[in-house]
Amino acid sequence: MPSAYFLRAHRQPAAQPRSRLFERVLRGYRHSLAHSRLVLVVFLSAIALNVVLIKVVPKGFFPEEDTGRLIGHPEADQSVSFHAMMP
């Protein structure tokens, strides 16, 4: 599909900013096809970075005994009536 875009004989006049961005992305795609070893190195580096981050980032953000429940206790003066506490 992207290669069909490059097969056109002439360029479109004054494209919108989005289409210019799309053209840059397609040029980068064409460049990456020409340099497949570089793309492979970047891909393997991304995998290695993920493995390193999995090992380095601290775990245990939630305690082991977390049950997922929230408990609240309302507090008021002893002279407050039940109906005043309802709101």
PDB file of N, CA and C in Angstrom:
ATOM      1  N   MET A   1       0.813  -1.185   0.000  1.00  0.00           N
ATOM      2  CA  MET A   1       0.000   0.000   0.000  1.00  0.00           C
ATOM      3  C   MET A   1       0.865   1.261   0.000  1.00  0.00           C
ATOM      4  N   PRO A   2       1.854   1.405   0.884  1.00  0.00           N
ATOM      5  CA  PRO A   2       2.668   2.624   0.837  1.00  0.00           C
ATOM      6  C   PRO A   2       3.445   2.767  -0.465  1.00  0.00           C
ATOM      7  N   SER A   3       3.839   1.675  -1.093  1.00  0.00           N
ATOM      8  CA  SER A   3       4.609   1.792  -2.324  1.00  0.00           C
ATOM      9  C   SER A   3       3.770   2.360  -3.460  1.00  0.00           C
ATOM     10  N   ALA A   4       2.453   2.160  -3.437  1.00  0.00           N
ATOM     11  CA  ALA A   4       1.592   2.722  -4.472  1.00  0.00           C
ATOM     12  C   ALA A   4       1.630   4.249  -4.441  1.00  0.00           C
ATOM     13  N   TYR A   5       1.862   4.825  -3.275  1.00  0.00           N
ATOM     14  CA  TYR A   5       1.941   6.276  -3.160  1.00  0.00           C
ATOM     15  C   TYR A   5       3.151   6.808  -3.925  1.00  0.00           C
ATOM     16  N   PHE A   6       4.255   6.075  -3.924  1.00  0.00           N
ATOM     17  CA  PHE A   6       5.467   6.516  -4.597  1.00  0.00           C
ATOM     18  C   PHE A   6       5.437   6.289  -6.105  1.00  0.00           C
ATOM     19  N   LEU A   7       4.510   5.522  -6.613  1.00  0.00           N
ATOM     20  CA  LEU A   7       4.445   5.215  -8.033  1.00  0.00           C
ATOM     21  C   LEU A   7       3.777   6.324  -8.853  1.00  0.00           C
ATOM     22  N   ARG A   8       3.267   7.333  -8.215  1.00  0.00           N
ATOM     23  CA  ARG A   8       2.621   8.420  -8.955  1.00  0.00           C
ATOM     24  C   ARG A   8       3.658   9.164  -9.794  1.00  0.00           C
ATOM     25  N   ALA A   9       3.235   9.634 -10.977  1.00  0.00           N
ATOM     26  CA  ALA A   9       4.153  10.300 -11.896  1.00  0.00           C
ATOM     27  C   ALA A   9       4.455  11.729 -11.475  1.00  0.00           C
ATOM     28  N   HIS A  10       3.544  12.399 -10.820  1.00  0.00           N
ATOM     29  CA  HIS A  10       3.756  13.795 -10.443  1.00  0.00           C
ATOM     30  C   HIS A  10       3.317  14.010  -8.995  1.00  0.00           C
ATOM     31  N   ARG A  11       3.814  15.078  -8.417  1.00  0.00           N
ATOM     32  CA  ARG A  11       3.465  15.436  -7.052  1.00  0.00           C
ATOM     33  C   ARG A  11       2.185  16.276  -7.044  1.00  0.00           C
ATOM     34  N   GLN A  12       1.485  16.209  -5.941  1.00  0.00           N
ATOM     35  CA  GLN A  12       0.279  17.015  -5.759  1.00  0.00           C
ATOM     36  C   GLN A  12       0.696  18.456  -5.436  1.00  0.00           C
ATOM     37  N   PRO A  13      -0.052  19.454  -5.883  1.00  0.00           N
ATOM     38  CA  PRO A  13       0.297  20.843  -5.561  1.00  0.00           C
ATOM     39  C   PRO A  13      -0.045  21.185  -4.110  1.00  0.00           C
ATOM     40  N   ALA A  14       0.796  21.973  -3.454  1.00  0.00           N
ATOM     41  CA  ALA A  14       0.606  22.543  -2.111  1.00  0.00           C
ATOM     42  C   ALA A  14      -0.263  21.694  -1.201  1.00  0.00           C
ATOM     43  N   ALA A  15       0.322  20.691  -0.626  1.00  0.00           N
ATOM     44  CA  ALA A  15      -0.424  19.780   0.243  1.00  0.00           C
ATOM     45  C   ALA A  15      -0.660  20.405   1.609  1.00  0.00           C
ATOM     46  N   GLN A  16      -1.614  19.857   2.326  1.00  0.00           N
ATOM     47  CA  GLN A  16      -1.903  20.303   3.681  1.00  0.00           C
ATOM     48  C   GLN A  16      -0.805  19.805   4.613  1.00  0.00           C
ATOM     49  N   PRO A  17      -0.696  20.400   5.808  1.00  0.00           N
ATOM     50  CA  PRO A  17       0.364  19.984   6.743  1.00  0.00           C
ATOM     51  C   PRO A  17       0.311  18.501   7.103  1.00  0.00           C
ATOM     52  N   ARG A  18      -0.884  17.961   7.207  1.00  0.00           N
ATOM     53  CA  ARG A  18      -0.985  16.531   7.543  1.00  0.00           C
ATOM     54  C   ARG A  18      -0.424  15.660   6.430  1.00  0.00           C
ATOM     55  N   SER A  19      -0.692  16.007   5.196  1.00  0.00           N
ATOM     56  CA  SER A  19      -0.193  15.191   4.097  1.00  0.00           C
ATOM     57  C   SER A  19       1.315  15.352   3.947  1.00  0.00           C
ATOM     58  N   ARG A  20       1.858  16.546   4.284  1.00  0.00           N
ATOM     59  CA  ARG A  20       3.312  16.712   4.276  1.00  0.00           C
ATOM     60  C   ARG A  20       3.957  15.832   5.336  1.00  0.00           C
ATOM     61  N   LEU A  21       3.335  15.735   6.486  1.00  0.00           N
ATOM     62  CA  LEU A  21       3.827  14.852   7.537  1.00  0.00           C
ATOM     63  C   LEU A  21       3.765  13.405   7.068  1.00  0.00           C
ATOM     64  N   PHE A  22       2.680  13.046   6.400  1.00  0.00           N
ATOM     65  CA  PHE A  22       2.529  11.696   5.871  1.00  0.00           C
ATOM     66  C   PHE A  22       3.620  11.391   4.849  1.00  0.00           C
ATOM     67  N   GLU A  23       3.945  12.372   4.014  1.00  0.00           N
ATOM     68  CA  GLU A  23       5.020  12.178   3.038  1.00  0.00           C
ATOM     69  C   GLU A  23       6.357  11.956   3.726  1.00  0.00           C
ATOM     70  N   ARG A  24       6.613  12.689   4.810  1.00  0.00           N
ATOM     71  CA  ARG A  24       7.858  12.492   5.555  1.00  0.00           C
ATOM     72  C   ARG A  24       7.914  11.108   6.181  1.00  0.00           C
ATOM     73  N   VAL A  25       6.785  10.661   6.696  1.00  0.00           N
ATOM     74  CA  VAL A  25       6.734   9.316   7.286  1.00  0.00           C
ATOM     75  C   VAL A  25       7.006   8.268   6.209  1.00  0.00           C
ATOM     76  N   LEU A  26       6.421   8.450   5.031  1.00  0.00           N
ATOM     77  CA  LEU A  26       6.645   7.488   3.954  1.00  0.00           C
ATOM     78  C   LEU A  26       8.093   7.525   3.464  1.00  0.00           C
ATOM     79  N   ARG A  27       8.710   8.717   3.455  1.00  0.00           N
ATOM     80  CA  ARG A  27      10.124   8.786   3.090  1.00  0.00           C
ATOM     81  C   ARG A  27      10.981   8.050   4.108  1.00  0.00           C
ATOM     82  N   GLY A  28      10.639   8.173   5.375  1.00  0.00           N
ATOM     83  CA  GLY A  28      11.349   7.434   6.416  1.00  0.00           C
ATOM     84  C   GLY A  28      11.155   5.941   6.273  1.00  0.00           C
ATOM     85  N   TYR A  29       9.950   5.549   5.887  1.00  0.00           N
ATOM     86  CA  TYR A  29       9.668   4.127   5.648  1.00  0.00           C
ATOM     87  C   TYR A  29      10.527   3.608   4.493  1.00  0.00           C
ATOM     88  N   ARG A  30      10.614   4.375   3.418  1.00  0.00           N
ATOM     89  CA  ARG A  30      11.427   3.968   2.276  1.00  0.00           C
ATOM     90  C   ARG A  30      12.911   3.896   2.667  1.00  0.00           C
ATOM     91  N   HIS A  31      13.345   4.852   3.467  1.00  0.00           N
ATOM     92  CA  HIS A  31      14.729   4.868   3.950  1.00  0.00           C
ATOM     93  C   HIS A  31      15.007   3.642   4.828  1.00  0.00           C
ATOM     94  N   SER A  32      14.033   3.267   5.670  1.00  0.00           N
ATOM     95  CA  SER A  32      14.234   2.105   6.544  1.00  0.00           C
ATOM     96  C   SER A  32      14.283   0.809   5.739  1.00  0.00           C
ATOM     97  N   LEU A  33      13.583   0.767   4.614  1.00  0.00           N
ATOM     98  CA  LEU A  33      13.652  -0.432   3.771  1.00  0.00           C
ATOM     99  C   LEU A  33      15.025  -0.567   3.134  1.00  0.00           C
ATOM    100  N   ALA A  34      15.664   0.554   2.860  1.00  0.00           N
ATOM    101  CA  ALA A  34      16.988   0.519   2.258  1.00  0.00           C
ATOM    102  C   ALA A  34      18.060   0.163   3.288  1.00  0.00           C
ATOM    103  N   HIS A  35      17.799   0.411   4.575  1.00  0.00           N
ATOM    104  CA  HIS A  35      18.776   0.142   5.630  1.00  0.00           C
ATOM    105  C   HIS A  35      18.197  -0.864   6.624  1.00  0.00           C
ATOM    106  N   SER A  36      17.994  -2.077   6.171  1.00  0.00           N
ATOM    107  CA  SER A  36      17.341  -3.069   7.010  1.00  0.00           C
ATOM    108  C   SER A  36      18.198  -3.472   8.210  1.00  0.00           C
ATOM    109  N   ARG A  37      19.525  -3.414   8.087  1.00  0.00           N
ATOM    110  CA  ARG A  37      20.375  -3.773   9.229  1.00  0.00           C
ATOM    111  C   ARG A  37      20.201  -2.764  10.365  1.00  0.00           C
ATOM    112  N   LEU A  38      20.108  -1.497  10.014  1.00  0.00           N
ATOM    113  CA  LEU A  38      19.891  -0.471  11.029  1.00  0.00           C
ATOM    114  C   LEU A  38      18.558  -0.690  11.738  1.00  0.00           C
ATOM    115  N   VAL A  39      17.526  -1.017  10.986  1.00  0.00           N
ATOM    116  CA  VAL A  39      16.212  -1.264  11.570  1.00  0.00           C
ATOM    117  C   VAL A  39      16.272  -2.479  12.495  1.00  0.00           C
ATOM    118  N   LEU A  40      17.001  -3.508  12.098  1.00  0.00           N
ATOM    119  CA  LEU A  40      17.153  -4.698  12.933  1.00  0.00           C
ATOM    120  C   LEU A  40      17.879  -4.358  14.230  1.00  0.00           C
ATOM    121  N   VAL A  41      18.913  -3.524  14.158  1.00  0.00           N
ATOM    122  CA  VAL A  41      19.651  -3.121  15.362  1.00  0.00           C
ATOM    123  C   VAL A  41      18.746  -2.322  16.294  1.00  0.00           C
ATOM    124  N   VAL A  42      17.951  -1.411  15.748  1.00  0.00           N
ATOM    125  CA  VAL A  42      17.029  -0.632  16.570  1.00  0.00           C
ATOM    126  C   VAL A  42      15.996  -1.542  17.219  1.00  0.00           C
ATOM    127  N   PHE A  43      15.488  -2.510  16.483  1.00  0.00           N
ATOM    128  CA  PHE A  43      14.489  -3.450  17.000  1.00  0.00           C
ATOM    129  C   PHE A  43      15.070  -4.274  18.146  1.00  0.00           C
ATOM    130  N   LEU A  44      16.256  -4.811  17.951  1.00  0.00           N
ATOM    131  CA  LEU A  44      16.882  -5.630  18.995  1.00  0.00           C
ATOM    132  C   LEU A  44      17.254  -4.773  20.208  1.00  0.00           C
ATOM    133  N   SER A  45      17.638  -3.527  19.967  1.00  0.00           N
ATOM    134  CA  SER A  45      17.937  -2.617  21.079  1.00  0.00           C
ATOM    135  C   SER A  45      16.684  -2.324  21.900  1.00  0.00           C
ATOM    136  N   ALA A  46      15.562  -2.176  21.235  1.00  0.00           N
ATOM    137  CA  ALA A  46      14.307  -1.926  21.952  1.00  0.00           C
ATOM    138  C   ALA A  46      13.942  -3.128  22.822  1.00  0.00           C
ATOM    139  N   ILE A  47      14.150  -4.331  22.308  1.00  0.00           N
ATOM    140  CA  ILE A  47      13.874  -5.533  23.094  1.00  0.00           C
ATOM    141  C   ILE A  47      14.809  -5.592  24.300  1.00  0.00           C
ATOM    142  N   ALA A  48      16.091  -5.309  24.082  1.00  0.00           N
ATOM    143  CA  ALA A  48      17.061  -5.330  25.183  1.00  0.00           C
ATOM    144  C   ALA A  48      16.716  -4.270  26.235  1.00  0.00           C
ATOM    145  N   LEU A  49      16.303  -3.092  25.802  1.00  0.00           N
ATOM    146  CA  LEU A  49      15.921  -2.039  26.735  1.00  0.00           C
ATOM    147  C   LEU A  49      14.719  -2.469  27.572  1.00  0.00           C
ATOM    148  N   ASN A  50      13.751  -3.132  26.963  1.00  0.00           N
ATOM    149  CA  ASN A  50      12.596  -3.623  27.712  1.00  0.00           C
ATOM    150  C   ASN A  50      13.014  -4.633  28.772  1.00  0.00           C
ATOM    151  N   VAL A  51      13.918  -5.533  28.423  1.00  0.00           N
ATOM    152  CA  VAL A  51      14.385  -6.533  29.390  1.00  0.00           C
ATOM    153  C   VAL A  51      15.096  -5.843  30.546  1.00  0.00           C
ATOM    154  N   VAL A  52      15.953  -4.863  30.240  1.00  0.00           N
ATOM    155  CA  VAL A  52      16.671  -4.137  31.293  1.00  0.00           C
ATOM    156  C   VAL A  52      15.691  -3.397  32.193  1.00  0.00           C
ATOM    157  N   LEU A  53      14.704  -2.733  31.604  1.00  0.00           N
ATOM    158  CA  LEU A  53      13.733  -1.991  32.407  1.00  0.00           C
ATOM    159  C   LEU A  53      12.896  -2.910  33.281  1.00  0.00           C
ATOM    160  N   ILE A  54      12.558  -4.088  32.785  1.00  0.00           N
ATOM    161  CA  ILE A  54      11.794  -5.037  33.597  1.00  0.00           C
ATOM    162  C   ILE A  54      12.600  -5.447  34.822  1.00  0.00           C
ATOM    163  N   LYS A  55      13.906  -5.594  34.652  1.00  0.00           N
ATOM    164  CA  LYS A  55      14.757  -5.987  35.780  1.00  0.00           C
ATOM    165  C   LYS A  55      15.055  -4.818  36.720  1.00  0.00           C
ATOM    166  N   VAL A  56      15.153  -3.596  36.216  1.00  0.00           N
ATOM    167  CA  VAL A  56      15.588  -2.454  37.018  1.00  0.00           C
ATOM    168  C   VAL A  56      14.437  -1.785  37.766  1.00  0.00           C
ATOM    169  N   VAL A  57      13.277  -1.667  37.133  1.00  0.00           N
ATOM    170  CA  VAL A  57      12.163  -0.929  37.731  1.00  0.00           C
ATOM    171  C   VAL A  57      11.694  -1.666  38.981  1.00  0.00           C
ATOM    172  N   PRO A  58      11.552  -0.953  40.103  1.00  0.00           N
ATOM    173  CA  PRO A  58      11.136  -1.624  41.338  1.00  0.00           C
ATOM    174  C   PRO A  58       9.716  -2.164  41.227  1.00  0.00           C
ATOM    175  N   LYS A  59       9.548  -3.320  41.808  1.00  0.00           N
ATOM    176  CA  LYS A  59       8.227  -3.953  41.800  1.00  0.00           C
ATOM    177  C   LYS A  59       7.636  -3.838  43.199  1.00  0.00           C
ATOM    178  N   GLY A  60       6.431  -4.263  43.350  1.00  0.00           N
ATOM    179  CA  GLY A  60       5.819  -4.232  44.664  1.00  0.00           C
ATOM    180  C   GLY A  60       5.182  -2.912  44.989  1.00  0.00           C
ATOM    181  N   PHE A  61       4.655  -2.243  43.999  1.00  0.00           N
ATOM    182  CA  PHE A  61       3.970  -0.972  44.241  1.00  0.00           C
ATOM    183  C   PHE A  61       2.779  -1.183  45.163  1.00  0.00           C
ATOM    184  N   PHE A  62       2.070  -2.302  44.976  1.00  0.00           N
ATOM    185  CA  PHE A  62       0.947  -2.641  45.837  1.00  0.00           C
ATOM    186  C   PHE A  62       1.406  -3.698  46.837  1.00  0.00           C
ATOM    187  N   PRO A  63       1.017  -3.559  48.087  1.00  0.00           N
ATOM    188  CA  PRO A  63       1.432  -4.561  49.066  1.00  0.00           C
ATOM    189  C   PRO A  63       0.773  -5.912  48.777  1.00  0.00           C
ATOM    190  N   GLU A  64       1.403  -6.959  49.260  1.00  0.00           N
ATOM    191  CA  GLU A  64       0.888  -8.312  49.021  1.00  0.00           C
ATOM    192  C   GLU A  64      -0.490  -8.511  49.646  1.00  0.00           C
ATOM    193  N   GLU A  65      -0.746  -7.876  50.770  1.00  0.00           N
ATOM    194  CA  GLU A  65      -2.010  -8.079  51.474  1.00  0.00           C
ATOM    195  C   GLU A  65      -3.131  -7.174  50.971  1.00  0.00           C
ATOM    196  N   ASP A  66      -2.928  -6.487  49.860  1.00  0.00           N
ATOM    197  CA  ASP A  66      -3.946  -5.601  49.311  1.00  0.00           C
ATOM    198  C   ASP A  66      -5.132  -6.419  48.833  1.00  0.00           C
ATOM    199  N   THR A  67      -6.318  -6.102  49.343  1.00  0.00           N
ATOM    200  CA  THR A  67      -7.528  -6.832  48.959  1.00  0.00           C
ATOM    201  C   THR A  67      -8.378  -6.040  47.979  1.00  0.00           C
ATOM    202  N   GLY A  68      -8.025  -4.784  47.733  1.00  0.00           N
ATOM    203  CA  GLY A  68      -8.794  -3.971  46.801  1.00  0.00           C
ATOM    204  C   GLY A  68     -10.023  -3.340  47.421  1.00  0.00           C
ATOM    205  N   ARG A  69     -10.144  -3.367  48.724  1.00  0.00           N
ATOM    206  CA  ARG A  69     -11.304  -2.787  49.403  1.00  0.00           C
ATOM    207  C   ARG A  69     -10.915  -1.491  50.094  1.00  0.00           C
ATOM    208  N   LEU A  70     -11.819  -0.541  50.071  1.00  0.00           N
ATOM    209  CA  LEU A  70     -11.641   0.708  50.796  1.00  0.00           C
ATOM    210  C   LEU A  70     -12.620   0.727  51.968  1.00  0.00           C
ATOM    211  N   ILE A  71     -12.136   1.082  53.123  1.00  0.00           N
ATOM    212  CA  ILE A  71     -12.988   1.123  54.308  1.00  0.00           C
ATOM    213  C   ILE A  71     -12.922   2.531  54.880  1.00  0.00           C
ATOM    214  N   GLY A  72     -14.072   3.105  55.153  1.00  0.00           N
ATOM    215  CA  GLY A  72     -14.135   4.432  55.743  1.00  0.00           C
ATOM    216  C   GLY A  72     -14.895   4.401  57.047  1.00  0.00           C
ATOM    217  N   HIS A  73     -14.496   5.221  58.004  1.00  0.00           N
ATOM    218  CA  HIS A  73     -15.152   5.305  59.300  1.00  0.00           C
ATOM    219  C   HIS A  73     -15.540   6.751  59.553  1.00  0.00           C
ATOM    220  N   PRO A  74     -16.824   7.048  59.577  1.00  0.00           N
ATOM    221  CA  PRO A  74     -17.231   8.422  59.869  1.00  0.00           C
ATOM    222  C   PRO A  74     -17.017   8.738  61.346  1.00  0.00           C
ATOM    223  N   GLU A  75     -16.600   9.946  61.617  1.00  0.00           N
ATOM    224  CA  GLU A  75     -16.397  10.373  62.991  1.00  0.00           C
ATOM    225  C   GLU A  75     -17.158  11.669  63.230  1.00  0.00           C
ATOM    226  N   ALA A  76     -17.779  11.759  64.396  1.00  0.00           N
ATOM    227  CA  ALA A  76     -18.506  12.970  64.774  1.00  0.00           C
ATOM    228  C   ALA A  76     -18.587  13.026  66.293  1.00  0.00           C
ATOM    229  N   ASP A  77     -19.069  14.145  66.755  1.00  0.00           N
ATOM    230  CA  ASP A  77     -19.251  14.322  68.186  1.00  0.00           C
ATOM    231  C   ASP A  77     -20.367  13.408  68.666  1.00  0.00           C
ATOM    232  N   GLN A  78     -20.366  13.029  69.938  1.00  0.00           N
ATOM    233  CA  GLN A  78     -21.377  12.116  70.472  1.00  0.00           C
ATOM    234  C   GLN A  78     -22.771  12.725  70.477  1.00  0.00           C
ATOM    235  N   SER A  79     -22.846  14.041  70.453  1.00  0.00           N
ATOM    236  CA  SER A  79     -24.155  14.687  70.516  1.00  0.00           C
ATOM    237  C   SER A  79     -24.838  14.785  69.143  1.00  0.00           C
ATOM    238  N   VAL A  80     -24.195  14.347  68.058  1.00  0.00           N
ATOM    239  CA  VAL A  80     -24.767  14.423  66.722  1.00  0.00           C
ATOM    240  C   VAL A  80     -25.781  13.301  66.550  1.00  0.00           C
ATOM    241  N   SER A  81     -26.957  13.655  65.976  1.00  0.00           N
ATOM    242  CA  SER A  81     -27.994  12.647  65.787  1.00  0.00           C
ATOM    243  C   SER A  81     -27.729  11.830  64.513  1.00  0.00           C
ATOM    244  N   PHE A  82     -28.427  10.722  64.389  1.00  0.00           N
ATOM    245  CA  PHE A  82     -28.279   9.858  63.214  1.00  0.00           C
ATOM    246  C   PHE A  82     -28.661  10.598  61.935  1.00  0.00           C
ATOM    247  N   HIS A  83     -29.734  11.363  61.980  1.00  0.00           N
ATOM    248  CA  HIS A  83     -30.211  12.087  60.795  1.00  0.00           C
ATOM    249  C   HIS A  83     -29.234  13.194  60.378  1.00  0.00           C
ATOM    250  N   ALA A  84     -28.499  13.773  61.308  1.00  0.00           N
ATOM    251  CA  ALA A  84     -27.501  14.787  60.966  1.00  0.00           C
ATOM    252  C   ALA A  84     -26.269  14.146  60.327  1.00  0.00           C
ATOM    253  N   MET A  85     -26.014  12.870  60.650  1.00  0.00           N
ATOM    254  CA  MET A  85     -24.865  12.159  60.089  1.00  0.00           C
ATOM    255  C   MET A  85     -25.144  11.605  58.692  1.00  0.00           C
ATOM    256  N   MET A  86     -26.369  11.433  58.315  1.00  0.00           N
ATOM    257  CA  MET A  86     -26.726  10.837  57.017  1.00  0.00           C
ATOM    258  C   MET A  86     -26.125  11.606  55.823  1.00  0.00           C
ATOM    259  N   PRO A  87     -26.184  12.908  55.763  1.00  0.00           N
ATOM    260  CA  PRO A  87     -25.587  13.584  54.597  1.00  0.00           C
ATOM    261  C   PRO A  87     -24.090  13.413  54.583  1.00  0.00           C
TER     262      PRO A  87
END
